[in-house]
Amino acid sequence: MFITRDAAPAVEMAPNFWRQTLASGKELMLVLFRMRKGADLPAHRHVHEQIGYVIQGAVDLTVEGETVSTLARCCYLPYSNQLHSAVVIDDAMVVDVFSPPRKDYLPGAAPARALAQPDTTGSIADPRPNVLMASDVAPLEIAPGVLKRALLSGDRACLAELELQGRAAFVPSRLNRETAAFVVEGCFDIRIDDDTRLCGPGASLVAAPDQTFAITCTMPGRVVWAESLTATQQ
């Protein structure tokens, strides 16, 4: 499934805070959030694991009472049922991956301005890190001209940043996990099975296990890459 951010309807969830649901599979949902300076997102928790990546701007994120400042290329992860809130310091755009997908964010779901209702059915204490800068992670060259920075990993999903240089390419290969991707910058020919698209900034996709995936760099750039860590029944 391919979609561009311009094709996804924007839903105003709170003053100066908009959501665009880009794509959803069985295990992963890709959501773009746009926020203006001064937006204040109230504290809330939900059972869904939420891994995000700051594309631009600055956001102060508070998770279980601890506040950190996030900037472009910062990855964050409120684990399931952790209480979290945010204050937007500068106009921001972030892309989040939810696992499992949020039913209230699916197209056609009943509109709701409020954030998720509190859910305290799970543990909120977690010793794992909530924030990580991609620039602090040493890259691994997984193919000629393709650098991968493994960022945060939860129980259901993990997030990485791919940097593609020159005419870097992934040869066609069969995925073994549900995968979601968002193009941050650059331009790429991306193929899922027999469907090939030219994907620029804002393009996104969700691909199922056993689908064939390939990517060729036409303009160097970066891609946010998420994989499900749970088994998916076909």
C-alpha atoms as a PDB file:
ATOM      1  CA  MET A   1       0.000   0.000   0.000  1.00  0.00           C
ATOM      2  CA  PHE A   2       1.407   3.379  -1.059  1.00  0.00           C
ATOM      3  CA  ILE A   3       0.085   6.799  -0.050  1.00  0.00           C
ATOM      4  CA  THR A   4       1.372  10.373   0.016  1.00  0.00           C
ATOM      5  CA  ARG A   5       0.776  12.711   2.906  1.00  0.00           C
ATOM      6  CA  ASP A   6      -1.159  15.084   0.624  1.00  0.00           C
ATOM      7  CA  ALA A   7      -3.648  12.295  -0.106  1.00  0.00           C
ATOM      8  CA  ALA A   8      -4.419  11.597   3.565  1.00  0.00           C
ATOM      9  CA  PRO A   9      -7.168  13.728   5.144  1.00  0.00           C
ATOM     10  CA  ALA A  10      -6.129  15.872   8.106  1.00  0.00           C
ATOM     11  CA  VAL A  11      -8.097  15.608  11.357  1.00  0.00           C
ATOM     12  CA  GLU A  12      -7.751  18.365  13.951  1.00  0.00           C
ATOM     13  CA  MET A  13      -7.522  16.473  17.233  1.00  0.00           C
ATOM     14  CA  ALA A  14      -6.793  19.484  19.428  1.00  0.00           C
ATOM     15  CA  PRO A  15      -6.029  23.173  18.855  1.00  0.00           C
ATOM     16  CA  ASN A  16      -3.008  23.470  16.517  1.00  0.00           C
ATOM     17  CA  PHE A  17      -2.609  19.678  16.378  1.00  0.00           C
ATOM     18  CA  TRP A  18      -3.496  17.661  13.258  1.00  0.00           C
ATOM     19  CA  ARG A  19      -3.359  13.947  12.490  1.00  0.00           C
ATOM     20  CA  GLN A  20      -3.076  12.221   9.109  1.00  0.00           C
ATOM     21  CA  THR A  21      -3.416   8.445   9.040  1.00  0.00           C
ATOM     22  CA  LEU A  22      -1.141   7.421   6.192  1.00  0.00           C
ATOM     23  CA  ALA A  23      -1.347   3.640   6.021  1.00  0.00           C
ATOM     24  CA  SER A  24      -2.306   0.673   8.165  1.00  0.00           C
ATOM     25  CA  GLY A  25      -1.644  -3.048   8.070  1.00  0.00           C
ATOM     26  CA  LYS A  26      -2.486  -5.862  10.460  1.00  0.00           C
ATOM     27  CA  GLU A  27       0.240  -4.968  12.962  1.00  0.00           C
ATOM     28  CA  LEU A  28       1.479  -1.460  12.103  1.00  0.00           C
ATOM     29  CA  MET A  29      -0.173   1.911  11.524  1.00  0.00           C
ATOM     30  CA  LEU A  30       1.721   4.901  10.134  1.00  0.00           C
ATOM     31  CA  VAL A  31       0.474   8.333  11.264  1.00  0.00           C
ATOM     32  CA  LEU A  32       1.753  11.846  10.526  1.00  0.00           C
ATOM     33  CA  PHE A  33       1.235  14.598  13.090  1.00  0.00           C
ATOM     34  CA  ARG A  34       1.583  18.319  12.380  1.00  0.00           C
ATOM     35  CA  MET A  35       1.775  20.695  15.339  1.00  0.00           C
ATOM     36  CA  ARG A  36       2.144  24.440  15.687  1.00  0.00           C
ATOM     37  CA  LYS A  37       4.311  26.173  18.252  1.00  0.00           C
ATOM     38  CA  GLY A  38       2.551  26.356  21.593  1.00  0.00           C
ATOM     39  CA  ALA A  39       0.338  23.305  21.096  1.00  0.00           C
ATOM     40  CA  ASP A  40      -0.082  21.468  24.382  1.00  0.00           C
ATOM     41  CA  LEU A  41      -0.922  17.777  24.225  1.00  0.00           C
ATOM     42  CA  PRO A  42      -2.470  16.639  27.524  1.00  0.00           C
ATOM     43  CA  ALA A  43      -1.153  13.666  29.435  1.00  0.00           C
ATOM     44  CA  HIS A  44      -2.680  10.371  28.329  1.00  0.00           C
ATOM     45  CA  ARG A  45      -1.884   6.686  28.016  1.00  0.00           C
ATOM     46  CA  HIS A  46      -2.986   3.856  25.720  1.00  0.00           C
ATOM     47  CA  VAL A  47      -2.284   0.180  25.255  1.00  0.00           C
ATOM     48  CA  HIS A  48      -0.753   0.767  21.818  1.00  0.00           C
ATOM     49  CA  GLU A  49       3.013   0.894  21.489  1.00  0.00           C
ATOM     50  CA  GLN A  50       3.987   4.198  19.843  1.00  0.00           C
ATOM     51  CA  ILE A  51       7.348   4.822  18.172  1.00  0.00           C
ATOM     52  CA  GLY A  52       7.919   8.256  16.658  1.00  0.00           C
ATOM     53  CA  TYR A  53      10.497  10.185  14.648  1.00  0.00           C
ATOM     54  CA  VAL A  54      10.787  13.979  14.556  1.00  0.00           C
ATOM     55  CA  ILE A  55      10.986  15.166  10.955  1.00  0.00           C
ATOM     56  CA  GLN A  56      11.235  18.861  11.801  1.00  0.00           C
ATOM     57  CA  GLY A  57      10.642  21.240  14.679  1.00  0.00           C
ATOM     58  CA  ALA A  58      11.088  20.864  18.425  1.00  0.00           C
ATOM     59  CA  VAL A  59       8.871  19.162  20.996  1.00  0.00           C
ATOM     60  CA  ASP A  60       9.288  18.741  24.751  1.00  0.00           C
ATOM     61  CA  LEU A  61       8.103  15.196  25.510  1.00  0.00           C
ATOM     62  CA  THR A  62       7.205  14.048  29.006  1.00  0.00           C
ATOM     63  CA  VAL A  63       6.996  10.315  29.722  1.00  0.00           C
ATOM     64  CA  GLU A  64       6.088   9.166  33.228  1.00  0.00           C
ATOM     65  CA  GLY A  65       7.093  12.525  34.691  1.00  0.00           C
ATOM     66  CA  GLU A  66      10.463  12.860  32.917  1.00  0.00           C
ATOM     67  CA  THR A  67      10.748  15.605  30.274  1.00  0.00           C
ATOM     68  CA  VAL A  68      13.204  15.575  27.366  1.00  0.00           C
ATOM     69  CA  SER A  69      13.616  17.952  24.430  1.00  0.00           C
ATOM     70  CA  THR A  70      13.324  16.364  20.995  1.00  0.00           C
ATOM     71  CA  LEU A  71      14.571  17.814  17.706  1.00  0.00           C
ATOM     72  CA  ALA A  72      14.788  16.667  14.090  1.00  0.00           C
ATOM     73  CA  ARG A  73      16.052  13.078  13.754  1.00  0.00           C
ATOM     74  CA  CYS A  74      15.090  12.274  17.330  1.00  0.00           C
ATOM     75  CA  CYS A  75      13.273   8.973  17.945  1.00  0.00           C
ATOM     76  CA  TYR A  76      10.928   8.489  20.898  1.00  0.00           C
ATOM     77  CA  LEU A  77       8.950   5.587  22.322  1.00  0.00           C
ATOM     78  CA  PRO A  78       6.256   5.727  25.006  1.00  0.00           C
ATOM     79  CA  TYR A  79       5.824   2.053  25.833  1.00  0.00           C
ATOM     80  CA  SER A  80       2.388   0.530  26.252  1.00  0.00           C
ATOM     81  CA  ASN A  81       0.363   2.291  28.952  1.00  0.00           C
ATOM     82  CA  GLN A  82       3.077   4.812  29.820  1.00  0.00           C
ATOM     83  CA  LEU A  83       1.693   8.248  30.651  1.00  0.00           C
ATOM     84  CA  HIS A  84       2.963  10.816  28.139  1.00  0.00           C
ATOM     85  CA  SER A  85       2.339  14.415  27.076  1.00  0.00           C
ATOM     86  CA  ALA A  86       4.027  17.014  24.891  1.00  0.00           C
ATOM     87  CA  VAL A  87       4.503  20.759  24.463  1.00  0.00           C
ATOM     88  CA  VAL A  88       5.452  22.024  20.998  1.00  0.00           C
ATOM     89  CA  ILE A  89       8.407  24.428  21.218  1.00  0.00           C
ATOM     90  CA  ASP A  90       8.633  25.103  17.483  1.00  0.00           C
ATOM     91  CA  ASP A  91       6.326  24.171  14.597  1.00  0.00           C
ATOM     92  CA  ALA A  92       6.811  20.425  14.230  1.00  0.00           C
ATOM     93  CA  MET A  93       6.067  17.434  12.056  1.00  0.00           C
ATOM     94  CA  VAL A  94       6.525  13.902  13.363  1.00  0.00           C
ATOM     95  CA  VAL A  95       5.709  10.459  12.026  1.00  0.00           C
ATOM     96  CA  ASP A  96       4.522   7.782  14.454  1.00  0.00           C
ATOM     97  CA  VAL A  97       4.088   4.038  14.209  1.00  0.00           C
ATOM     98  CA  PHE A  98       1.371   2.460  16.361  1.00  0.00           C
ATOM     99  CA  SER A  99       1.208  -1.250  17.120  1.00  0.00           C
ATOM    100  CA  PRO A 100      -1.397  -2.618  17.144  1.00  0.00           C
ATOM    101  CA  PRO A 101      -3.132  -0.144  14.792  1.00  0.00           C
ATOM    102  CA  ARG A 102      -5.482   2.290  16.500  1.00  0.00           C
ATOM    103  CA  LYS A 103      -9.039   1.610  15.410  1.00  0.00           C
ATOM    104  CA  ASP A 104     -10.046   5.181  16.266  1.00  0.00           C
ATOM    105  CA  TYR A 105      -7.512   6.457  13.715  1.00  0.00           C
ATOM    106  CA  LEU A 106      -8.792   4.351  10.816  1.00  0.00           C
ATOM    107  CA  PRO A 107     -10.585   6.147   7.959  1.00  0.00           C
ATOM    108  CA  GLY A 108     -14.312   6.222   8.634  1.00  0.00           C
ATOM    109  CA  ALA A 109     -13.939   5.840  12.391  1.00  0.00           C
ATOM    110  CA  ALA A 110     -16.102   8.054  14.548  1.00  0.00           C
ATOM    111  CA  PRO A 111     -14.368  11.445  14.813  1.00  0.00           C
ATOM    112  CA  ALA A 112     -12.808  12.192  18.148  1.00  0.00           C
ATOM    113  CA  ARG A 113     -10.951  15.350  19.136  1.00  0.00           C
ATOM    114  CA  ALA A 114      -9.689  13.903  22.388  1.00  0.00           C
ATOM    115  CA  LEU A 115      -6.574  11.813  22.709  1.00  0.00           C
ATOM    116  CA  ALA A 116      -6.780   8.191  23.810  1.00  0.00           C
ATOM    117  CA  GLN A 117      -8.619   7.574  27.047  1.00  0.00           C
ATOM    118  CA  PRO A 118      -6.519   6.472  30.013  1.00  0.00           C
ATOM    119  CA  ASP A 119      -5.936   2.726  30.216  1.00  0.00           C
ATOM    120  CA  THR A 120      -4.171   1.322  33.240  1.00  0.00           C
ATOM    121  CA  THR A 121      -4.480  -2.386  32.480  1.00  0.00           C
ATOM    122  CA  GLY A 122      -0.740  -2.823  31.874  1.00  0.00           C
ATOM    123  CA  SER A 123       2.535  -1.959  33.518  1.00  0.00           C
ATOM    124  CA  ILE A 124       3.754   1.615  33.118  1.00  0.00           C
ATOM    125  CA  ALA A 125       7.237   1.176  34.558  1.00  0.00           C
ATOM    126  CA  ASP A 126       9.902   0.361  31.969  1.00  0.00           C
ATOM    127  CA  PRO A 127      13.687   0.714  32.320  1.00  0.00           C
ATOM    128  CA  ARG A 128      14.294   0.976  28.575  1.00  0.00           C
ATOM    129  CA  PRO A 129      15.092   4.372  27.017  1.00  0.00           C
ATOM    130  CA  ASN A 130      12.278   6.575  25.704  1.00  0.00           C
ATOM    131  CA  VAL A 131      14.350   8.904  23.481  1.00  0.00           C
ATOM    132  CA  LEU A 132      17.338   8.480  21.156  1.00  0.00           C
ATOM    133  CA  MET A 133      19.003  10.777  18.602  1.00  0.00           C
ATOM    134  CA  ALA A 134      19.732   9.114  15.263  1.00  0.00           C
ATOM    135  CA  SER A 135      22.963  11.091  15.018  1.00  0.00           C
ATOM    136  CA  ASP A 136      24.183   9.340  18.183  1.00  0.00           C
ATOM    137  CA  VAL A 137      23.828   5.887  16.594  1.00  0.00           C
ATOM    138  CA  ALA A 138      26.662   4.386  14.563  1.00  0.00           C
ATOM    139  CA  PRO A 139      25.432   3.394  11.094  1.00  0.00           C
ATOM    140  CA  LEU A 140      25.755  -0.101   9.667  1.00  0.00           C
ATOM    141  CA  GLU A 141      26.214  -0.447   5.910  1.00  0.00           C
ATOM    142  CA  ILE A 142      23.702  -3.157   5.019  1.00  0.00           C
ATOM    143  CA  ALA A 143      24.172  -2.803   1.251  1.00  0.00           C
ATOM    144  CA  PRO A 144      26.438  -0.665  -0.945  1.00  0.00           C
ATOM    145  CA  GLY A 145      25.471   2.952  -0.230  1.00  0.00           C
ATOM    146  CA  VAL A 146      22.749   1.985   2.269  1.00  0.00           C
ATOM    147  CA  LEU A 147      23.376   2.962   5.902  1.00  0.00           C
ATOM    148  CA  LYS A 148      21.046   1.724   8.640  1.00  0.00           C
ATOM    149  CA  ARG A 149      20.778   3.217  12.118  1.00  0.00           C
ATOM    150  CA  ALA A 150      18.800   0.954  14.442  1.00  0.00           C
ATOM    151  CA  LEU A 151      16.901   3.261  16.780  1.00  0.00           C
ATOM    152  CA  LEU A 152      14.380   2.254  19.439  1.00  0.00           C
ATOM    153  CA  SER A 153      12.736  -1.133  19.793  1.00  0.00           C
ATOM    154  CA  GLY A 154       9.695  -2.054  21.848  1.00  0.00           C
ATOM    155  CA  ASP A 155       7.827  -5.314  22.361  1.00  0.00           C
ATOM    156  CA  ARG A 156       5.763  -5.040  19.176  1.00  0.00           C
ATOM    157  CA  ALA A 157       7.771  -2.898  16.760  1.00  0.00           C
ATOM    158  CA  CYS A 158      11.185  -1.399  16.075  1.00  0.00           C
ATOM    159  CA  LEU A 159      12.259   1.728  14.221  1.00  0.00           C
ATOM    160  CA  ALA A 160      15.317   2.488  12.116  1.00  0.00           C
ATOM    161  CA  GLU A 161      16.614   5.284   9.904  1.00  0.00           C
ATOM    162  CA  LEU A 162      17.881   4.346   6.447  1.00  0.00           C
ATOM    163  CA  GLU A 163      20.262   6.678   4.638  1.00  0.00           C
ATOM    164  CA  LEU A 164      20.635   5.988   0.921  1.00  0.00           C
ATOM    165  CA  GLN A 165      23.509   7.489  -1.028  1.00  0.00           C
ATOM    166  CA  GLY A 166      24.237   7.792  -4.755  1.00  0.00           C
ATOM    167  CA  ARG A 167      22.598   4.989  -6.747  1.00  0.00           C
ATOM    168  CA  ALA A 168      22.187   2.763  -3.724  1.00  0.00           C
ATOM    169  CA  ALA A 169      19.702  -0.069  -4.123  1.00  0.00           C
ATOM    170  CA  PHE A 170      18.094  -2.994  -2.339  1.00  0.00           C
ATOM    171  CA  VAL A 171      17.795  -5.912  -4.690  1.00  0.00           C
ATOM    172  CA  PRO A 172      14.291  -7.453  -4.732  1.00  0.00           C
ATOM    173  CA  SER A 173      13.798  -9.587  -1.646  1.00  0.00           C
ATOM    174  CA  ARG A 174      10.876 -11.119   0.196  1.00  0.00           C
ATOM    175  CA  LEU A 175       9.914  -9.468   3.476  1.00  0.00           C
ATOM    176  CA  ASN A 176       9.635 -11.644   6.558  1.00  0.00           C
ATOM    177  CA  ARG A 177       7.879  -9.045   8.729  1.00  0.00           C
ATOM    178  CA  GLU A 178       5.189  -6.458   8.230  1.00  0.00           C
ATOM    179  CA  THR A 179       7.034  -3.268   7.318  1.00  0.00           C
ATOM    180  CA  ALA A 180       6.156   0.427   7.208  1.00  0.00           C
ATOM    181  CA  ALA A 181       8.234   3.234   5.697  1.00  0.00           C
ATOM    182  CA  PHE A 182       8.091   7.018   5.354  1.00  0.00           C
ATOM    183  CA  VAL A 183      10.313   9.058   3.024  1.00  0.00           C
ATOM    184  CA  VAL A 184      11.828  11.987   4.938  1.00  0.00           C
ATOM    185  CA  GLU A 185      13.972  13.370   2.141  1.00  0.00           C
ATOM    186  CA  GLY A 186      15.338  12.276  -1.220  1.00  0.00           C
ATOM    187  CA  CYS A 187      13.643  10.345  -4.004  1.00  0.00           C
ATOM    188  CA  PHE A 188      13.410   6.595  -4.555  1.00  0.00           C
ATOM    189  CA  ASP A 189      11.917   4.026  -6.897  1.00  0.00           C
ATOM    190  CA  ILE A 190      10.161   1.670  -4.495  1.00  0.00           C
ATOM    191  CA  ARG A 191       8.676  -1.630  -5.605  1.00  0.00           C
ATOM    192  CA  ILE A 192       6.203  -3.822  -3.731  1.00  0.00           C
ATOM    193  CA  ASP A 193       5.520  -6.988  -5.720  1.00  0.00           C
ATOM    194  CA  ASP A 194       4.738  -5.715  -9.235  1.00  0.00           C
ATOM    195  CA  ASP A 195       3.836  -2.164  -8.189  1.00  0.00           C
ATOM    196  CA  THR A 196       6.683   0.377  -8.575  1.00  0.00           C
ATOM    197  CA  ARG A 197       6.300   4.025  -7.525  1.00  0.00           C
ATOM    198  CA  LEU A 198       8.556   7.065  -7.580  1.00  0.00           C
ATOM    199  CA  CYS A 199       8.471   8.167  -3.937  1.00  0.00           C
ATOM    200  CA  GLY A 200       9.551  11.593  -2.698  1.00  0.00           C
ATOM    201  CA  PRO A 201       9.273  13.301   0.704  1.00  0.00           C
ATOM    202  CA  GLY A 202       6.006  12.420   2.432  1.00  0.00           C
ATOM    203  CA  ALA A 203       5.449   9.157   0.566  1.00  0.00           C
ATOM    204  CA  SER A 204       4.690   6.197   2.797  1.00  0.00           C
ATOM    205  CA  LEU A 205       3.903   2.514   2.581  1.00  0.00           C
ATOM    206  CA  VAL A 206       2.949  -0.583   4.529  1.00  0.00           C
ATOM    207  CA  ALA A 207       3.967  -3.971   3.144  1.00  0.00           C
ATOM    208  CA  ALA A 208       2.922  -7.398   4.380  1.00  0.00           C
ATOM    209  CA  PRO A 209       5.172 -10.368   5.102  1.00  0.00           C
ATOM    210  CA  ASP A 210       5.956 -12.409   1.976  1.00  0.00           C
ATOM    211  CA  GLN A 211       5.612  -9.403  -0.310  1.00  0.00           C
ATOM    212  CA  THR A 212       8.614  -8.633  -2.529  1.00  0.00           C
ATOM    213  CA  PHE A 213      10.313  -5.329  -1.792  1.00  0.00           C
ATOM    214  CA  ALA A 214      12.989  -3.357  -3.645  1.00  0.00           C
ATOM    215  CA  ILE A 215      14.265   0.217  -3.560  1.00  0.00           C
ATOM    216  CA  THR A 216      16.546   2.221  -5.846  1.00  0.00           C
ATOM    217  CA  CYS A 217      17.874   5.652  -4.901  1.00  0.00           C
ATOM    218  CA  THR A 218      17.348   8.355  -7.523  1.00  0.00           C
ATOM    219  CA  MET A 219      18.197  11.223  -5.149  1.00  0.00           C
ATOM    220  CA  PRO A 220      20.075  10.659  -1.864  1.00  0.00           C
ATOM    221  CA  GLY A 221      18.015  10.919   1.284  1.00  0.00           C
ATOM    222  CA  ARG A 222      16.569   9.239   4.374  1.00  0.00           C
ATOM    223  CA  VAL A 223      13.705   6.862   5.083  1.00  0.00           C
ATOM    224  CA  VAL A 224      12.068   6.037   8.421  1.00  0.00           C
ATOM    225  CA  TRP A 225      11.739   2.255   8.515  1.00  0.00           C
ATOM    226  CA  ALA A 226       9.577   0.272  10.961  1.00  0.00           C
ATOM    227  CA  GLU A 227       9.154  -3.474  11.357  1.00  0.00           C
ATOM    228  CA  SER A 228       6.650  -5.486  13.339  1.00  0.00           C
ATOM    229  CA  LEU A 229       8.088  -7.784  15.976  1.00  0.00           C
ATOM    230  CA  THR A 230       4.907  -9.842  16.314  1.00  0.00           C
ATOM    231  CA  ALA A 231       3.844 -12.801  14.227  1.00  0.00           C
ATOM    232  CA  THR A 232       1.282 -11.935  11.539  1.00  0.00           C
ATOM    233  CA  GLN A 233      -1.168 -14.518  10.289  1.00  0.00           C
ATOM    234  CA  GLN A 234      -1.708 -14.390   6.569  1.00  0.00           C
END
